[in-house]
Amino acid sequence: MQLNEDYVAAFMGSQLQLHTLRESAIESRESILFPTQDSNEGKITSFYLSKEFLVYSTENGNINHFYIDEWQFVNRYKHDTGVKKIFPEPFGVSLVFIDD
C-alpha cells in the first residue's frame, strides 16, 4: 500500500486499486481498479504512487503512467519481456526497471 496527500494505492494480489482519501467533487474519481476490464495486461508486478502519477508494471511487459489530475493514462510502454520491478524517481516521471 502507498499513500500520497490525496490518494491511496492498494495492491491486491494481481490488481491495484487507486482510491481517494477525501471526498471527490467528481464522483467517477473516487476509485479505479487496474488493470481495467478492457485491457489484456496480465498481473501487476510492481507499482509506485507519486503526487501526480500512479505508475505500474505488468507480467506482460507493460509500464503504465496514469495521470491522477486528468484521470487517464498519459504513457504506456510495452517491453519485450515481463517487468518484475520498477524504480521511479520521486515525481514518478522517469524510472528504471528489472525485467525477466
PDB file of N, CA and C in Angstrom:
ATOM      1  N   MET A   1       0.848  -1.162   0.000  1.00  0.00           N
ATOM      2  CA  MET A   1       0.000   0.000   0.000  1.00  0.00           C
ATOM      3  C   MET A   1       0.903   1.237   0.000  1.00  0.00           C
ATOM      4  N   GLN A   2       0.504   2.236  -0.790  1.00  0.00           N
ATOM      5  CA  GLN A   2       1.237   3.500  -0.815  1.00  0.00           C
ATOM      6  C   GLN A   2       0.241   4.655  -0.747  1.00  0.00           C
ATOM      7  N   LEU A   3       0.673   5.732  -0.100  1.00  0.00           N
ATOM      8  CA  LEU A   3      -0.170   6.906   0.085  1.00  0.00           C
ATOM      9  C   LEU A   3       0.503   8.145  -0.471  1.00  0.00           C
ATOM     10  N   ASN A   4      -0.318   9.076  -0.957  1.00  0.00           N
ATOM     11  CA  ASN A   4       0.154  10.431  -1.174  1.00  0.00           C
ATOM     12  C   ASN A   4      -0.815  11.335  -0.425  1.00  0.00           C
ATOM     13  N   GLU A   5      -0.789  12.610  -0.684  1.00  0.00           N
ATOM     14  CA  GLU A   5      -1.618  13.552   0.059  1.00  0.00           C
ATOM     15  C   GLU A   5      -3.124  13.309  -0.125  1.00  0.00           C
ATOM     16  N   ASP A   6      -3.526  12.848  -1.318  1.00  0.00           N
ATOM     17  CA  ASP A   6      -4.946  12.725  -1.633  1.00  0.00           C
ATOM     18  C   ASP A   6      -5.439  11.314  -1.933  1.00  0.00           C
ATOM     19  N   TYR A   7      -4.525  10.378  -2.230  1.00  0.00           N
ATOM     20  CA  TYR A   7      -4.931   9.046  -2.687  1.00  0.00           C
ATOM     21  C   TYR A   7      -4.153   7.941  -1.991  1.00  0.00           C
ATOM     22  N   VAL A   8      -4.738   6.757  -2.016  1.00  0.00           N
ATOM     23  CA  VAL A   8      -4.067   5.542  -1.575  1.00  0.00           C
ATOM     24  C   VAL A   8      -4.114   4.545  -2.729  1.00  0.00           C
ATOM     25  N   ALA A   9      -3.009   3.844  -2.949  1.00  0.00           N
ATOM     26  CA  ALA A   9      -2.942   2.770  -3.937  1.00  0.00           C
ATOM     27  C   ALA A   9      -2.727   1.480  -3.170  1.00  0.00           C
ATOM     28  N   ALA A  10      -3.654   0.533  -3.329  1.00  0.00           N
ATOM     29  CA  ALA A  10      -3.589  -0.733  -2.606  1.00  0.00           C
ATOM     30  C   ALA A  10      -3.411  -1.870  -3.600  1.00  0.00           C
ATOM     31  N   PHE A  11      -2.366  -2.659  -3.409  1.00  0.00           N
ATOM     32  CA  PHE A  11      -2.069  -3.801  -4.267  1.00  0.00           C
ATOM     33  C   PHE A  11      -2.742  -5.025  -3.669  1.00  0.00           C
ATOM     34  N   MET A  12      -3.574  -5.695  -4.486  1.00  0.00           N
ATOM     35  CA  MET A  12      -4.345  -6.838  -4.007  1.00  0.00           C
ATOM     36  C   MET A  12      -4.067  -8.052  -4.890  1.00  0.00           C
ATOM     37  N   GLY A  13      -2.914  -8.655  -4.729  1.00  0.00           N
ATOM     38  CA  GLY A  13      -2.569  -9.865  -5.466  1.00  0.00           C
ATOM     39  C   GLY A  13      -2.154  -9.618  -6.891  1.00  0.00           C
ATOM     40  N   SER A  14      -3.114  -9.422  -7.773  1.00  0.00           N
ATOM     41  CA  SER A  14      -2.806  -9.170  -9.184  1.00  0.00           C
ATOM     42  C   SER A  14      -3.446  -7.882  -9.679  1.00  0.00           C
ATOM     43  N   GLN A  15      -4.153  -7.183  -8.807  1.00  0.00           N
ATOM     44  CA  GLN A  15      -4.816  -5.942  -9.182  1.00  0.00           C
ATOM     45  C   GLN A  15      -4.403  -4.816  -8.233  1.00  0.00           C
ATOM     46  N   LEU A  16      -4.645  -3.613  -8.700  1.00  0.00           N
ATOM     47  CA  LEU A  16      -4.263  -2.416  -7.968  1.00  0.00           C
ATOM     48  C   LEU A  16      -5.453  -1.464  -7.938  1.00  0.00           C
ATOM     49  N   GLN A  17      -5.800  -0.975  -6.761  1.00  0.00           N
ATOM     50  CA  GLN A  17      -6.907  -0.031  -6.639  1.00  0.00           C
ATOM     51  C   GLN A  17      -6.374   1.320  -6.199  1.00  0.00           C
ATOM     52  N   LEU A  18      -6.777   2.357  -6.931  1.00  0.00           N
ATOM     53  CA  LEU A  18      -6.476   3.739  -6.581  1.00  0.00           C
ATOM     54  C   LEU A  18      -7.752   4.334  -6.013  1.00  0.00           C
ATOM     55  N   HIS A  19      -7.659   4.855  -4.800  1.00  0.00           N
ATOM     56  CA  HIS A  19      -8.857   5.342  -4.113  1.00  0.00           C
ATOM     57  C   HIS A  19      -8.554   6.673  -3.432  1.00  0.00           C
ATOM     58  N   THR A  20      -9.518   7.585  -3.489  1.00  0.00           N
ATOM     59  CA  THR A  20      -9.343   8.896  -2.865  1.00  0.00           C
ATOM     60  C   THR A  20      -9.429   8.794  -1.344  1.00  0.00           C
ATOM     61  N   LEU A  21      -8.672   9.643  -0.670  1.00  0.00           N
ATOM     62  CA  LEU A  21      -8.719   9.714   0.783  1.00  0.00           C
ATOM     63  C   LEU A  21      -9.720  10.756   1.262  1.00  0.00           C
ATOM     64  N   ARG A  22     -10.113  11.619   0.345  1.00  0.00           N
ATOM     65  CA  ARG A  22     -11.069  12.682   0.661  1.00  0.00           C
ATOM     66  C   ARG A  22     -12.258  12.558  -0.277  1.00  0.00           C
ATOM     67  N   GLU A  23     -13.339  13.209   0.088  1.00  0.00           N
ATOM     68  CA  GLU A  23     -14.489  13.215  -0.804  1.00  0.00           C
ATOM     69  C   GLU A  23     -14.132  13.959  -2.080  1.00  0.00           C
ATOM     70  N   SER A  24     -14.377  13.316  -3.204  1.00  0.00           N
ATOM     71  CA  SER A  24     -14.054  13.902  -4.501  1.00  0.00           C
ATOM     72  C   SER A  24     -15.251  14.670  -5.038  1.00  0.00           C
ATOM     73  N   ALA A  25     -14.971  15.796  -5.653  1.00  0.00           N
ATOM     74  CA  ALA A  25     -16.039  16.577  -6.284  1.00  0.00           C
ATOM     75  C   ALA A  25     -16.564  15.856  -7.525  1.00  0.00           C
ATOM     76  N   ILE A  26     -15.734  15.003  -8.094  1.00  0.00           N
ATOM     77  CA  ILE A  26     -16.122  14.238  -9.275  1.00  0.00           C
ATOM     78  C   ILE A  26     -16.318  12.790  -8.850  1.00  0.00           C
ATOM     79  N   GLU A  27     -17.555  12.331  -8.854  1.00  0.00           N
ATOM     80  CA  GLU A  27     -17.901  11.011  -8.326  1.00  0.00           C
ATOM     81  C   GLU A  27     -17.131   9.882  -8.999  1.00  0.00           C
ATOM     82  N   SER A  28     -16.877   9.989 -10.303  1.00  0.00           N
ATOM     83  CA  SER A  28     -16.193   8.914 -11.028  1.00  0.00           C
ATOM     84  C   SER A  28     -14.717   8.788 -10.630  1.00  0.00           C
ATOM     85  N   ARG A  29     -14.203   9.746  -9.870  1.00  0.00           N
ATOM     86  CA  ARG A  29     -12.796   9.721  -9.479  1.00  0.00           C
ATOM     87  C   ARG A  29     -12.568   9.158  -8.080  1.00  0.00           C
ATOM     88  N   GLU A  30     -13.557   8.600  -7.467  1.00  0.00           N
ATOM     89  CA  GLU A  30     -13.369   8.101  -6.116  1.00  0.00           C
ATOM     90  C   GLU A  30     -12.534   6.837  -6.072  1.00  0.00           C
ATOM     91  N   SER A  31     -12.631   5.994  -7.106  1.00  0.00           N
ATOM     92  CA  SER A  31     -11.895   4.748  -7.099  1.00  0.00           C
ATOM     93  C   SER A  31     -11.766   4.206  -8.518  1.00  0.00           C
ATOM     94  N   ILE A  32     -10.630   3.539  -8.795  1.00  0.00           N
ATOM     95  CA  ILE A  32     -10.438   2.881 -10.080  1.00  0.00           C
ATOM     96  C   ILE A  32      -9.584   1.645  -9.838  1.00  0.00           C
ATOM     97  N   LEU A  33      -9.852   0.590 -10.587  1.00  0.00           N
ATOM     98  CA  LEU A  33      -9.156  -0.675 -10.458  1.00  0.00           C
ATOM     99  C   LEU A  33      -8.306  -0.921 -11.693  1.00  0.00           C
ATOM    100  N   PHE A  34      -7.054  -1.343 -11.492  1.00  0.00           N
ATOM    101  CA  PHE A  34      -6.147  -1.660 -12.591  1.00  0.00           C
ATOM    102  C   PHE A  34      -5.736  -3.126 -12.481  1.00  0.00           C
ATOM    103  N   PRO A  35      -5.507  -3.846 -13.562  1.00  0.00           N
ATOM    104  CA  PRO A  35      -5.764  -3.375 -14.922  1.00  0.00           C
ATOM    105  C   PRO A  35      -7.258  -3.249 -15.164  1.00  0.00           C
ATOM    106  N   THR A  36      -7.605  -2.343 -16.050  1.00  0.00           N
ATOM    107  CA  THR A  36      -9.011  -2.122 -16.365  1.00  0.00           C
ATOM    108  C   THR A  36      -9.571  -3.358 -17.063  1.00  0.00           C
ATOM    109  N   GLN A  37     -10.869  -3.500 -17.050  1.00  0.00           N
ATOM    110  CA  GLN A  37     -11.529  -4.690 -17.601  1.00  0.00           C
ATOM    111  C   GLN A  37     -11.263  -4.874 -19.088  1.00  0.00           C
ATOM    112  N   ASP A  38     -11.064  -3.788 -19.827  1.00  0.00           N
ATOM    113  CA  ASP A  38     -10.877  -3.895 -21.274  1.00  0.00           C
ATOM    114  C   ASP A  38      -9.418  -4.105 -21.682  1.00  0.00           C
ATOM    115  N   SER A  39      -8.528  -4.279 -20.719  1.00  0.00           N
ATOM    116  CA  SER A  39      -7.110  -4.468 -21.058  1.00  0.00           C
ATOM    117  C   SER A  39      -6.733  -5.944 -20.980  1.00  0.00           C
ATOM    118  N   ASN A  40      -5.628  -6.266 -21.609  1.00  0.00           N
ATOM    119  CA  ASN A  40      -5.095  -7.615 -21.583  1.00  0.00           C
ATOM    120  C   ASN A  40      -3.643  -7.540 -21.120  1.00  0.00           C
ATOM    121  N   GLU A  41      -3.419  -6.916 -19.962  1.00  0.00           N
ATOM    122  CA  GLU A  41      -2.073  -6.632 -19.491  1.00  0.00           C
ATOM    123  C   GLU A  41      -1.475  -7.719 -18.619  1.00  0.00           C
ATOM    124  N   GLY A  42      -2.280  -8.587 -18.086  1.00  0.00           N
ATOM    125  CA  GLY A  42      -1.778  -9.577 -17.151  1.00  0.00           C
ATOM    126  C   GLY A  42      -1.698  -9.011 -15.743  1.00  0.00           C
ATOM    127  N   LYS A  43      -1.037  -9.761 -14.872  1.00  0.00           N
ATOM    128  CA  LYS A  43      -0.946  -9.377 -13.469  1.00  0.00           C
ATOM    129  C   LYS A  43       0.018  -8.202 -13.268  1.00  0.00           C
ATOM    130  N   ILE A  44      -0.319  -7.363 -12.319  1.00  0.00           N
ATOM    131  CA  ILE A  44       0.552  -6.254 -11.940  1.00  0.00           C
ATOM    132  C   ILE A  44       1.687  -6.814 -11.089  1.00  0.00           C
ATOM    133  N   THR A  45       2.911  -6.366 -11.389  1.00  0.00           N
ATOM    134  CA  THR A  45       4.088  -6.865 -10.681  1.00  0.00           C
ATOM    135  C   THR A  45       4.704  -5.834  -9.743  1.00  0.00           C
ATOM    136  N   SER A  46       4.507  -4.559 -10.024  1.00  0.00           N
ATOM    137  CA  SER A  46       5.125  -3.503  -9.229  1.00  0.00           C
ATOM    138  C   SER A  46       4.363  -2.203  -9.462  1.00  0.00           C
ATOM    139  N   PHE A  47       4.398  -1.295  -8.479  1.00  0.00           N
ATOM    140  CA  PHE A  47       3.718  -0.008  -8.655  1.00  0.00           C
ATOM    141  C   PHE A  47       4.376   1.060  -7.805  1.00  0.00           C
ATOM    142  N   TYR A  48       4.059   2.305  -8.140  1.00  0.00           N
ATOM    143  CA  TYR A  48       4.566   3.455  -7.403  1.00  0.00           C
ATOM    144  C   TYR A  48       3.536   4.577  -7.494  1.00  0.00           C
ATOM    145  N   LEU A  49       3.264   5.226  -6.375  1.00  0.00           N
ATOM    146  CA  LEU A  49       2.323   6.337  -6.322  1.00  0.00           C
ATOM    147  C   LEU A  49       3.069   7.604  -5.954  1.00  0.00           C
ATOM    148  N   SER A  50       3.080   8.570  -6.875  1.00  0.00           N
ATOM    149  CA  SER A  50       3.633   9.893  -6.570  1.00  0.00           C
ATOM    150  C   SER A  50       2.466  10.857  -6.387  1.00  0.00           C
ATOM    151  N   LYS A  51       2.756  12.124  -6.220  1.00  0.00           N
ATOM    152  CA  LYS A  51       1.687  13.112  -6.065  1.00  0.00           C
ATOM    153  C   LYS A  51       0.826  13.208  -7.318  1.00  0.00           C
ATOM    154  N   GLU A  52       1.432  13.050  -8.492  1.00  0.00           N
ATOM    155  CA  GLU A  52       0.709  13.243  -9.749  1.00  0.00           C
ATOM    156  C   GLU A  52       0.461  11.973 -10.551  1.00  0.00           C
ATOM    157  N   PHE A  53       1.233  10.909 -10.306  1.00  0.00           N
ATOM    158  CA  PHE A  53       1.140   9.710 -11.137  1.00  0.00           C
ATOM    159  C   PHE A  53       1.001   8.438 -10.318  1.00  0.00           C
ATOM    160  N   LEU A  54       0.258   7.487 -10.890  1.00  0.00           N
ATOM    161  CA  LEU A  54       0.309   6.102 -10.452  1.00  0.00           C
ATOM    162  C   LEU A  54       1.004   5.365 -11.594  1.00  0.00           C
ATOM    163  N   VAL A  55       2.129   4.748 -11.296  1.00  0.00           N
ATOM    164  CA  VAL A  55       2.910   4.029 -12.302  1.00  0.00           C
ATOM    165  C   VAL A  55       2.890   2.558 -11.908  1.00  0.00           C
ATOM    166  N   TYR A  56       2.592   1.679 -12.878  1.00  0.00           N
ATOM    167  CA  TYR A  56       2.636   0.251 -12.561  1.00  0.00           C
ATOM    168  C   TYR A  56       3.154  -0.554 -13.746  1.00  0.00           C
ATOM    169  N   SER A  57       3.694  -1.730 -13.414  1.00  0.00           N
ATOM    170  CA  SER A  57       4.219  -2.645 -14.429  1.00  0.00           C
ATOM    171  C   SER A  57       3.445  -3.956 -14.367  1.00  0.00           C
ATOM    172  N   THR A  58       3.537  -4.723 -15.470  1.00  0.00           N
ATOM    173  CA  THR A  58       2.816  -5.987 -15.525  1.00  0.00           C
ATOM    174  C   THR A  58       3.720  -7.125 -15.986  1.00  0.00           C
ATOM    175  N   GLU A  59       3.247  -8.333 -15.757  1.00  0.00           N
ATOM    176  CA  GLU A  59       3.992  -9.527 -16.163  1.00  0.00           C
ATOM    177  C   GLU A  59       4.102  -9.650 -17.678  1.00  0.00           C
ATOM    178  N   ASN A  60       3.278  -8.931 -18.428  1.00  0.00           N
ATOM    179  CA  ASN A  60       3.322  -8.961 -19.892  1.00  0.00           C
ATOM    180  C   ASN A  60       4.257  -7.898 -20.474  1.00  0.00           C
ATOM    181  N   GLY A  61       4.941  -7.138 -19.620  1.00  0.00           N
ATOM    182  CA  GLY A  61       5.918  -6.165 -20.088  1.00  0.00           C
ATOM    183  C   GLY A  61       5.400  -4.749 -20.252  1.00  0.00           C
ATOM    184  N   ASN A  62       4.247  -4.453 -19.718  1.00  0.00           N
ATOM    185  CA  ASN A  62       3.698  -3.099 -19.819  1.00  0.00           C
ATOM    186  C   ASN A  62       4.140  -2.240 -18.645  1.00  0.00           C
ATOM    187  N   ILE A  63       4.442  -0.975 -18.940  1.00  0.00           N
ATOM    188  CA  ILE A  63       4.679   0.033 -17.902  1.00  0.00           C
ATOM    189  C   ILE A  63       3.731   1.187 -18.217  1.00  0.00           C
ATOM    190  N   ASN A  64       2.851   1.481 -17.284  1.00  0.00           N
ATOM    191  CA  ASN A  64       1.795   2.468 -17.492  1.00  0.00           C
ATOM    192  C   ASN A  64       1.926   3.632 -16.520  1.00  0.00           C
ATOM    193  N   HIS A  65       1.760   4.846 -17.053  1.00  0.00           N
ATOM    194  CA  HIS A  65       1.714   6.060 -16.245  1.00  0.00           C
ATOM    195  C   HIS A  65       0.280   6.590 -16.287  1.00  0.00           C
ATOM    196  N   PHE A  66      -0.379   6.577 -15.142  1.00  0.00           N
ATOM    197  CA  PHE A  66      -1.739   7.097 -15.007  1.00  0.00           C
ATOM    198  C   PHE A  66      -1.640   8.456 -14.326  1.00  0.00           C
ATOM    199  N   TYR A  67      -2.075   9.501 -15.043  1.00  0.00           N
ATOM    200  CA  TYR A  67      -2.014  10.871 -14.526  1.00  0.00           C
ATOM    201  C   TYR A  67      -3.259  11.142 -13.700  1.00  0.00           C
ATOM    202  N   ILE A  68      -3.088  11.316 -12.418  1.00  0.00           N
ATOM    203  CA  ILE A  68      -4.206  11.421 -11.491  1.00  0.00           C
ATOM    204  C   ILE A  68      -5.053  12.657 -11.751  1.00  0.00           C
ATOM    205  N   ASP A  69      -4.443  13.811 -12.028  1.00  0.00           N
ATOM    206  CA  ASP A  69      -5.206  15.043 -12.250  1.00  0.00           C
ATOM    207  C   ASP A  69      -6.172  14.934 -13.422  1.00  0.00           C
ATOM    208  N   GLU A  70      -5.770  14.251 -14.478  1.00  0.00           N
ATOM    209  CA  GLU A  70      -6.620  14.088 -15.668  1.00  0.00           C
ATOM    210  C   GLU A  70      -7.403  12.778 -15.649  1.00  0.00           C
ATOM    211  N   TRP A  71      -7.087  11.896 -14.705  1.00  0.00           N
ATOM    212  CA  TRP A  71      -7.752  10.603 -14.531  1.00  0.00           C
ATOM    213  C   TRP A  71      -7.693   9.766 -15.814  1.00  0.00           C
ATOM    214  N   GLN A  72      -6.492   9.732 -16.400  1.00  0.00           N
ATOM    215  CA  GLN A  72      -6.300   8.963 -17.630  1.00  0.00           C
ATOM    216  C   GLN A  72      -4.832   8.577 -17.791  1.00  0.00           C
ATOM    217  N   PHE A  73      -4.591   7.577 -18.650  1.00  0.00           N
ATOM    218  CA  PHE A  73      -3.227   7.174 -18.957  1.00  0.00           C
ATOM    219  C   PHE A  73      -2.581   8.220 -19.851  1.00  0.00           C
ATOM    220  N   VAL A  74      -1.334   8.550 -19.551  1.00  0.00           N
ATOM    221  CA  VAL A  74      -0.602   9.515 -20.376  1.00  0.00           C
ATOM    222  C   VAL A  74       0.596   8.869 -21.058  1.00  0.00           C
ATOM    223  N   ASN A  75       0.981   7.676 -20.610  1.00  0.00           N
ATOM    224  CA  ASN A  75       2.089   6.973 -21.246  1.00  0.00           C
ATOM    225  C   ASN A  75       1.940   5.482 -21.008  1.00  0.00           C
ATOM    226  N   ARG A  76       2.134   4.724 -22.081  1.00  0.00           N
ATOM    227  CA  ARG A  76       2.136   3.262 -21.983  1.00  0.00           C
ATOM    228  C   ARG A  76       3.324   2.747 -22.780  1.00  0.00           C
ATOM    229  N   TYR A  77       4.186   2.022 -22.097  1.00  0.00           N
ATOM    230  CA  TYR A  77       5.369   1.453 -22.738  1.00  0.00           C
ATOM    231  C   TYR A  77       5.233  -0.058 -22.732  1.00  0.00           C
ATOM    232  N   LYS A  78       5.513  -0.703 -23.868  1.00  0.00           N
ATOM    233  CA  LYS A  78       5.447  -2.157 -23.985  1.00  0.00           C
ATOM    234  C   LYS A  78       6.859  -2.691 -24.170  1.00  0.00           C
ATOM    235  N   HIS A  79       7.347  -3.427 -23.180  1.00  0.00           N
ATOM    236  CA  HIS A  79       8.668  -4.033 -23.218  1.00  0.00           C
ATOM    237  C   HIS A  79       8.567  -5.434 -23.823  1.00  0.00           C
ATOM    238  N   ASP A  80       9.687  -5.953 -24.315  1.00  0.00           N
ATOM    239  CA  ASP A  80       9.701  -7.270 -24.974  1.00  0.00           C
ATOM    240  C   ASP A  80       9.418  -8.429 -24.026  1.00  0.00           C
ATOM    241  N   THR A  81       9.796  -8.296 -22.771  1.00  0.00           N
ATOM    242  CA  THR A  81       9.567  -9.353 -21.783  1.00  0.00           C
ATOM    243  C   THR A  81       8.846  -8.765 -20.578  1.00  0.00           C
ATOM    244  N   GLY A  82       8.474  -9.620 -19.646  1.00  0.00           N
ATOM    245  CA  GLY A  82       7.789  -9.169 -18.449  1.00  0.00           C
ATOM    246  C   GLY A  82       8.647  -8.240 -17.603  1.00  0.00           C
ATOM    247  N   VAL A  83       7.998  -7.347 -16.884  1.00  0.00           N
ATOM    248  CA  VAL A  83       8.681  -6.412 -15.996  1.00  0.00           C
ATOM    249  C   VAL A  83       8.425  -6.862 -14.564  1.00  0.00           C
ATOM    250  N   LYS A  84       9.500  -7.102 -13.827  1.00  0.00           N
ATOM    251  CA  LYS A  84       9.376  -7.601 -12.448  1.00  0.00           C
ATOM    252  C   LYS A  84       9.263  -6.483 -11.421  1.00  0.00           C
ATOM    253  N   LYS A  85      10.043  -5.412 -11.596  1.00  0.00           N
ATOM    254  CA  LYS A  85      10.077  -4.351 -10.582  1.00  0.00           C
ATOM    255  C   LYS A  85      10.417  -3.019 -11.231  1.00  0.00           C
ATOM    256  N   ILE A  86       9.738  -1.962 -10.806  1.00  0.00           N
ATOM    257  CA  ILE A  86      10.040  -0.612 -11.285  1.00  0.00           C
ATOM    258  C   ILE A  86      10.616   0.206 -10.135  1.00  0.00           C
ATOM    259  N   PHE A  87      11.489   1.166 -10.504  1.00  0.00           N
ATOM    260  CA  PHE A  87      12.113   2.062  -9.537  1.00  0.00           C
ATOM    261  C   PHE A  87      12.016   3.488 -10.069  1.00  0.00           C
ATOM    262  N   PRO A  88      10.875   4.147  -9.855  1.00  0.00           N
ATOM    263  CA  PRO A  88      10.700   5.527 -10.341  1.00  0.00           C
ATOM    264  C   PRO A  88      11.446   6.533  -9.471  1.00  0.00           C
ATOM    265  N   GLU A  89      11.751   7.688 -10.080  1.00  0.00           N
ATOM    266  CA  GLU A  89      12.268   8.798  -9.298  1.00  0.00           C
ATOM    267  C   GLU A  89      11.083   9.400  -8.528  1.00  0.00           C
ATOM    268  N   PRO A  90      11.315  10.259  -7.536  1.00  0.00           N
ATOM    269  CA  PRO A  90      10.245  10.716  -6.645  1.00  0.00           C
ATOM    270  C   PRO A  90       9.001  11.309  -7.321  1.00  0.00           C
ATOM    271  N   PHE A  91       9.152  11.931  -8.474  1.00  0.00           N
ATOM    272  CA  PHE A  91       7.988  12.515  -9.146  1.00  0.00           C
ATOM    273  C   PHE A  91       7.236  11.492  -9.991  1.00  0.00           C
ATOM    274  N   GLY A  92       7.829  10.326 -10.236  1.00  0.00           N
ATOM    275  CA  GLY A  92       7.166   9.272 -10.987  1.00  0.00           C
ATOM    276  C   GLY A  92       7.250   9.425 -12.487  1.00  0.00           C
ATOM    277  N   VAL A  93       8.010  10.402 -12.980  1.00  0.00           N
ATOM    278  CA  VAL A  93       8.070  10.675 -14.416  1.00  0.00           C
ATOM    279  C   VAL A  93       8.993   9.701 -15.135  1.00  0.00           C
ATOM    280  N   SER A  94      10.184   9.499 -14.620  1.00  0.00           N
ATOM    281  CA  SER A  94      11.118   8.555 -15.236  1.00  0.00           C
ATOM    282  C   SER A  94      11.436   7.436 -14.259  1.00  0.00           C
ATOM    283  N   LEU A  95      11.910   6.318 -14.809  1.00  0.00           N
ATOM    284  CA  LEU A  95      12.165   5.170 -13.960  1.00  0.00           C
ATOM    285  C   LEU A  95      13.160   4.220 -14.602  1.00  0.00           C
ATOM    286  N   VAL A  96      13.656   3.307 -13.820  1.00  0.00           N
ATOM    287  CA  VAL A  96      14.408   2.158 -14.313  1.00  0.00           C
ATOM    288  C   VAL A  96      13.622   0.924 -13.864  1.00  0.00           C
ATOM    289  N   PHE A  97      13.883  -0.214 -14.530  1.00  0.00           N
ATOM    290  CA  PHE A  97      13.145  -1.409 -14.178  1.00  0.00           C
ATOM    291  C   PHE A  97      13.994  -2.654 -14.352  1.00  0.00           C
ATOM    292  N   ILE A  98      13.555  -3.719 -13.707  1.00  0.00           N
ATOM    293  CA  ILE A  98      14.159  -5.052 -13.842  1.00  0.00           C
ATOM    294  C   ILE A  98      13.163  -5.895 -14.614  1.00  0.00           C
ATOM    295  N   ASP A  99      13.643  -6.544 -15.674  1.00  0.00           N
ATOM    296  CA  ASP A  99      12.741  -7.405 -16.448  1.00  0.00           C
ATOM    297  C   ASP A  99      13.040  -8.870 -16.185  1.00  0.00           C
ATOM    298  N   ASP A 100      12.329  -9.731 -16.909  1.00  0.00           N
ATOM    299  CA  ASP A 100      12.522 -11.176 -16.751  1.00  0.00           C
ATOM    300  C   ASP A 100      13.930 -11.585 -17.097  1.00  0.00           C
TER     301      ASP A 100
END
